[in-house]
């Protein structure tokens, strides 16, 4: 690759002293040389900043910033992007890692599709064609809502053109839902490149906010509610007929989630989900038992 576009690797941090050194070192080990690593600490109470600054002195491509106040996850992701100078944005969280060849492959794939706004990796093998390949906005929505999930990937599994990120307006700030929402919003305007596994490594631990999904049914339920909003958005790229089918299917999922919460957690939790759904009990029973 003769032209090596700058990649802005964005690392948002909050109390990650256990893992941040490994995350930084994984970026520094990249076979792709033209990167900057922007580390933005969200007022950590541990030694995360000290560790990050120790690496800043070793490599001029590393810059460490500390927020004046705690912004929270997605506002901090936007803050990190605001410092970026690269053509591409690549999030690597302070508790995750990227393989040495990860940046090189991600850029190689993206450069083959100039019209794409972003790319998603860590995807299961496609049955019909080899990666990478590009999906139009309509194809991306049809794939996610009618074939196989696509918009469920974390920022670690994405590479985003900064111009597309800026045009979309960045993350809206919805807690826990930001990734899913971002891929939907980007796919309203831009094609997406699909890529294989093997470029990034995602760590699982109990300190992650995502652990709430395993204990509170309201958290995954919020995705279903957001899906209804996205599918009725004026910019939804699906034809009207497909839009209505997807909405109907999502309503059934909402109804089943309410009944499941009542059965497996408590009647109170089921009623909490029912209230959030704005569906009548009769409609929930009708759609949820089909």
Protein backbone atom coordinates (compact mmCIF):
# COMPACT_ATOMS: atom_id res chain seq x y z
CA UNK A 1 0.00 0.00 0.00
CA UNK A 2 1.92 3.04 -1.29
CA UNK A 3 -0.37 5.60 0.32
CA UNK A 4 -0.71 5.05 4.06
CA UNK A 5 -3.59 7.14 5.40
CA UNK A 6 -3.37 8.26 8.99
CA UNK A 7 -5.43 6.17 11.41
CA UNK A 8 -6.53 7.79 14.66
CA UNK A 9 -6.70 5.06 17.28
CA UNK A 10 -9.05 6.26 20.02
CA UNK A 11 -8.76 4.86 23.54
CA UNK A 12 -11.30 6.09 26.10
CA UNK A 13 -10.39 5.29 29.70
CA UNK A 14 -12.10 5.10 33.06
CA UNK A 15 -10.44 3.08 35.85
CA UNK A 16 -8.62 0.61 33.62
CA UNK A 17 -5.24 0.37 35.36
CA UNK A 18 -5.40 -3.46 35.19
CA UNK A 19 -5.54 -3.56 31.41
CA UNK A 20 -4.48 -0.26 29.82
CA UNK A 21 -0.79 -1.13 29.41
CA UNK A 22 -1.64 -4.20 27.33
CA UNK A 23 -4.09 -2.18 25.24
CA UNK A 24 -1.51 0.52 24.49
CA UNK A 25 1.23 -1.99 23.74
CA UNK A 26 -1.03 -3.82 21.29
CA UNK A 27 -1.34 -0.58 19.28
CA UNK A 28 2.39 0.11 19.49
CA UNK A 29 3.08 -3.38 18.09
CA UNK A 30 1.12 -2.61 14.90
CA UNK A 31 2.72 -3.52 11.59
CA UNK A 32 0.92 -0.48 10.17
CA UNK A 33 3.06 2.55 11.07
CA UNK A 34 0.93 5.60 10.24
CA UNK A 35 -1.20 5.90 13.36
CA UNK A 36 -1.77 8.26 16.24
CA UNK A 37 -3.04 6.98 19.57
CA UNK A 38 -5.36 9.40 21.36
CA UNK A 39 -6.01 8.41 24.98
CA UNK A 40 -8.77 10.32 26.76
CA UNK A 41 -9.20 9.65 30.46
CA UNK A 42 -12.62 10.34 31.94
CA UNK A 43 -11.42 11.30 35.44
CA UNK A 44 -10.18 7.88 36.54
CA UNK A 45 -9.70 7.33 40.26
CA UNK A 46 -6.91 4.79 39.84
CA UNK A 47 -3.46 4.92 38.16
CA UNK A 48 -4.72 4.77 34.54
CA UNK A 49 -3.45 8.26 33.65
CA UNK A 50 0.01 7.66 35.11
CA UNK A 51 0.34 4.45 33.10
CA UNK A 52 -0.84 6.12 29.91
CA UNK A 53 1.55 9.05 30.32
CA UNK A 54 4.46 6.69 30.80
CA UNK A 55 3.86 5.49 27.24
CA UNK A 56 3.35 9.03 25.93
CA UNK A 57 7.00 9.73 26.78
CA UNK A 58 8.12 6.70 24.76
CA UNK A 59 6.30 7.37 21.47
CA UNK A 60 5.47 10.77 19.96
CA UNK A 61 2.44 9.26 18.23
CA UNK A 62 0.73 8.85 21.63
CA UNK A 63 -1.20 11.77 23.15
CA UNK A 64 -2.93 11.66 26.55
CA UNK A 65 -5.81 13.95 27.50
CA UNK A 66 -7.74 14.15 30.78
CA UNK A 67 -11.30 15.48 30.82
CA UNK A 68 -12.15 18.33 33.19
CA UNK A 69 -15.25 16.43 34.33
CA UNK A 70 -16.55 12.90 33.88
CA UNK A 71 -18.43 12.76 30.57
CA UNK A 72 -19.53 9.14 30.44
CA UNK A 73 -18.85 6.49 27.83
CA UNK A 74 -20.25 7.81 24.54
CA UNK A 75 -19.68 11.53 25.12
CA UNK A 76 -16.07 10.57 25.85
CA UNK A 77 -15.90 8.64 22.58
CA UNK A 78 -16.99 11.83 20.81
CA UNK A 79 -14.41 13.79 22.76
CA UNK A 80 -11.66 11.44 21.62
CA UNK A 81 -12.81 11.75 18.01
CA UNK A 82 -12.67 15.55 18.28
CA UNK A 83 -8.88 15.33 18.74
CA UNK A 84 -8.41 12.99 15.76
CA UNK A 85 -6.51 14.06 12.65
CA UNK A 86 -6.74 10.79 10.73
CA UNK A 87 -8.76 9.70 7.73
CA UNK A 88 -9.98 6.74 9.79
CA UNK A 89 -11.12 6.37 13.39
CA UNK A 90 -10.35 3.09 15.16
CA UNK A 91 -11.62 2.59 18.70
CA UNK A 92 -9.54 0.30 20.90
CA UNK A 93 -10.89 0.41 24.42
CA UNK A 94 -8.47 0.40 27.34
CA UNK A 95 -9.44 -3.16 28.28
CA UNK A 96 -9.26 -4.58 24.74
CA UNK A 97 -6.45 -5.23 22.26
CA UNK A 98 -5.76 -5.17 18.54
CA UNK A 99 -3.61 -7.76 16.79
CA UNK A 100 -0.31 -6.52 15.29
CA UNK A 101 -1.68 -6.79 11.74
CA UNK A 102 -5.14 -5.48 12.67
CA UNK A 103 -4.75 -1.86 11.56
CA UNK A 104 -2.97 -2.90 8.38
CA UNK A 105 -5.80 -5.23 7.36
CA UNK A 106 -8.58 -2.85 8.31
CA UNK A 107 -7.10 -0.03 6.24
CA UNK A 108 -6.36 -2.39 3.34
CA UNK A 109 -9.98 -3.52 3.22
CA UNK A 110 -11.42 -0.01 3.56
CA UNK A 111 -9.20 1.46 0.86
CA UNK A 112 -10.76 -0.94 -1.65
CA UNK A 113 -14.17 0.71 -1.20
CA UNK A 114 -13.84 4.51 -1.46
CA UNK A 115 -17.60 5.12 -1.11
CA UNK A 116 -17.92 3.25 2.21
CA UNK A 117 -18.41 5.22 5.39
CA UNK A 118 -17.34 2.49 7.77
CA UNK A 119 -16.42 -1.16 8.09
CA UNK A 120 -17.31 -3.95 10.51
CA UNK A 121 -15.07 -6.91 11.29
CA UNK A 122 -15.26 -9.96 13.58
CA UNK A 123 -18.14 -11.29 11.47
CA UNK A 124 -18.94 -14.94 10.88
CA UNK A 125 -18.12 -16.28 7.44
CA UNK A 126 -20.62 -15.39 4.74
CA UNK A 127 -22.12 -18.41 2.97
CA UNK A 128 -22.08 -16.89 -0.48
CA UNK A 129 -19.04 -14.64 -0.87
CA UNK A 130 -15.60 -14.01 0.54
CA UNK A 131 -14.76 -10.96 2.65
CA UNK A 132 -14.36 -8.07 2.15
CA UNK A 133 -17.46 -6.89 0.36
CA UNK A 134 -19.60 -3.78 0.47
CA UNK A 135 -23.29 -3.41 1.28
CA UNK A 136 -25.41 -0.44 0.27
CA UNK A 137 -27.57 1.17 2.96
CA UNK A 138 -30.61 -0.85 1.89
CA UNK A 139 -28.62 -4.09 1.72
CA UNK A 140 -27.14 -3.49 5.18
CA UNK A 141 -30.58 -2.95 6.72
CA UNK A 142 -32.02 -5.99 4.94
CA UNK A 143 -29.12 -8.14 6.10
CA UNK A 144 -29.46 -7.06 9.72
CA UNK A 145 -33.24 -7.13 10.04
CA UNK A 146 -34.04 -10.14 7.84
CA UNK A 147 -30.94 -12.33 7.55
CA UNK A 148 -28.19 -12.18 10.17
CA UNK A 149 -27.30 -9.58 12.84
CA UNK A 150 -24.88 -6.90 11.70
CA UNK A 151 -25.41 -3.82 13.85
CA UNK A 152 -24.65 -5.61 17.14
CA UNK A 153 -20.86 -5.16 16.94
CA UNK A 154 -18.92 -3.09 19.49
CA UNK A 155 -16.74 -0.11 18.41
CA UNK A 156 -13.69 -2.40 18.68
CA UNK A 157 -14.99 -4.28 15.63
CA UNK A 158 -15.41 -1.14 13.53
CA UNK A 159 -13.31 1.27 11.54
CA UNK A 160 -14.97 4.57 10.62
CA UNK A 161 -14.10 7.28 8.14
CA UNK A 162 -13.84 10.47 10.17
CA UNK A 163 -15.74 12.39 7.49
CA UNK A 164 -18.67 9.96 7.82
CA UNK A 165 -18.52 10.08 11.62
CA UNK A 166 -18.61 13.88 11.58
CA UNK A 167 -21.44 14.01 9.03
CA UNK A 168 -23.51 11.62 11.15
CA UNK A 169 -22.90 13.77 14.22
CA UNK A 170 -21.03 11.21 16.30
CA UNK A 171 -22.64 9.14 19.05
CA UNK A 172 -25.88 10.56 20.43
CA UNK A 173 -24.92 9.56 23.96
CA UNK A 174 -27.51 6.85 24.57
CA UNK A 175 -26.06 4.68 27.32
CA UNK A 176 -25.38 1.07 26.28
CA UNK A 177 -27.15 1.59 22.94
CA UNK A 178 -24.63 3.82 21.21
CA UNK A 179 -22.89 1.23 19.04
CA UNK A 180 -26.10 -0.27 17.69
CA UNK A 181 -27.55 3.16 17.02
CA UNK A 182 -24.38 4.42 15.32
CA UNK A 183 -24.23 1.56 12.80
CA UNK A 184 -27.89 2.12 11.96
CA UNK A 185 -27.35 5.85 11.50
CA UNK A 186 -24.18 5.43 9.43
CA UNK A 187 -25.94 2.87 7.25
CA UNK A 188 -28.69 5.35 6.50
CA UNK A 189 -26.16 7.41 4.57
CA UNK A 190 -23.14 5.27 3.68
CA UNK A 191 -22.22 1.80 2.42
CA UNK A 192 -20.52 -0.53 4.90
CA UNK A 193 -17.62 -2.92 4.29
CA UNK A 194 -17.89 -6.37 5.89
CA UNK A 195 -14.66 -8.01 7.09
CA UNK A 196 -13.61 -11.29 8.72
CA UNK A 197 -12.51 -12.29 12.22
CA UNK A 198 -9.00 -12.12 13.60
CA UNK A 199 -8.11 -8.43 13.81
CA UNK A 200 -9.17 -7.48 17.34
CA UNK A 201 -9.51 -9.13 20.75
CA UNK A 202 -12.36 -8.36 23.14
CA UNK A 203 -11.87 -8.88 26.87
CA UNK A 204 -14.75 -10.06 29.09
CA UNK A 205 -14.75 -9.03 32.74
CA UNK A 206 -17.22 -8.13 35.48
CA UNK A 207 -16.37 -4.41 35.51
CA UNK A 208 -17.93 -3.87 32.08
CA UNK A 209 -21.26 -2.09 31.80
CA UNK A 210 -22.37 -4.81 29.38
CA UNK A 211 -22.57 -7.21 32.34
CA UNK A 212 -25.91 -5.52 33.09
CA UNK A 213 -27.37 -7.33 30.07
CA UNK A 214 -27.01 -10.58 31.94
CA UNK A 215 -28.92 -9.40 34.99
CA UNK A 216 -31.52 -6.80 33.98
CA UNK A 217 -33.94 -7.59 31.10
CA UNK A 218 -34.60 -3.86 30.68
CA UNK A 219 -31.15 -3.34 29.18
CA UNK A 220 -31.55 -5.61 26.12
CA UNK A 221 -35.19 -4.48 25.92
CA UNK A 222 -34.02 -0.94 25.18
CA UNK A 223 -32.52 -2.20 21.92
CA UNK A 224 -35.96 -3.35 20.79
CA UNK A 225 -37.49 0.02 21.63
CA UNK A 226 -34.72 1.84 19.77
CA UNK A 227 -35.19 -0.48 16.80
CA UNK A 228 -38.81 0.70 16.47
CA UNK A 229 -37.60 4.30 16.42
CA UNK A 230 -34.93 3.61 13.81
CA UNK A 231 -37.27 1.66 11.55
CA UNK A 232 -39.78 4.53 11.52
CA UNK A 233 -37.10 7.15 10.88
CA UNK A 234 -37.61 9.09 7.63
CA UNK A 235 -34.06 8.15 6.62
CA UNK A 236 -34.60 4.40 7.00
CA UNK A 237 -33.32 2.94 3.70
CA UNK A 238 -35.73 -0.01 3.62
CA UNK A 239 -38.62 0.03 1.12
CA UNK A 240 -41.92 0.69 2.87
CA UNK A 241 -43.08 -2.93 2.58
CA UNK A 242 -39.89 -4.26 4.22
CA UNK A 243 -40.07 -1.50 6.82
CA UNK A 244 -43.54 -2.63 7.88
CA UNK A 245 -42.52 -6.29 8.04
CA UNK A 246 -39.48 -5.45 10.19
CA UNK A 247 -41.62 -3.33 12.51
CA UNK A 248 -44.16 -6.14 12.89
CA UNK A 249 -41.42 -8.63 13.73
CA UNK A 250 -39.92 -6.23 16.25
CA UNK A 251 -43.29 -5.72 17.95
CA UNK A 252 -43.52 -9.48 18.41
CA UNK A 253 -40.06 -9.49 20.00
CA UNK A 254 -41.11 -6.68 22.32
CA UNK A 255 -44.23 -8.56 23.40
CA UNK A 256 -42.28 -11.78 24.01
CA UNK A 257 -39.66 -9.88 26.02
CA UNK A 258 -42.36 -8.45 28.29
CA UNK A 259 -43.88 -11.88 28.90
CA UNK A 260 -40.45 -13.42 29.44
CA UNK A 261 -39.53 -10.78 32.01
CA UNK A 262 -42.75 -11.43 33.91
CA UNK A 263 -42.20 -15.19 33.82
CA UNK A 264 -38.47 -15.42 34.53
CA UNK A 265 -37.86 -12.32 36.69
CA UNK A 266 -40.98 -10.87 38.29
CA UNK A 267 -44.42 -9.50 37.52
CA UNK A 268 -43.11 -6.10 38.57
CA UNK A 269 -40.28 -6.29 36.02
CA UNK A 270 -42.72 -7.42 33.35
CA UNK A 271 -44.95 -4.43 34.09
CA UNK A 272 -41.92 -2.15 33.89
CA UNK A 273 -41.20 -3.41 30.38
CA UNK A 274 -44.87 -3.20 29.43
CA UNK A 275 -45.00 0.45 30.45
CA UNK A 276 -41.86 1.23 28.42
CA UNK A 277 -43.32 -0.56 25.38
CA UNK A 278 -46.52 1.56 25.40
CA UNK A 279 -48.39 -1.56 24.25
CA UNK A 280 -51.67 -2.73 25.74
CA UNK A 281 -51.78 -5.98 27.69
CA UNK A 282 -54.12 -7.45 25.09
CA UNK A 283 -51.70 -6.57 22.28
CA UNK A 284 -48.77 -8.05 24.22
CA UNK A 285 -50.66 -11.30 24.84
CA UNK A 286 -51.79 -11.47 21.23
CA UNK A 287 -48.38 -10.81 19.65
CA UNK A 288 -46.25 -12.49 22.30
CA UNK A 289 -47.94 -15.88 22.16
CA UNK A 290 -47.86 -16.32 18.39
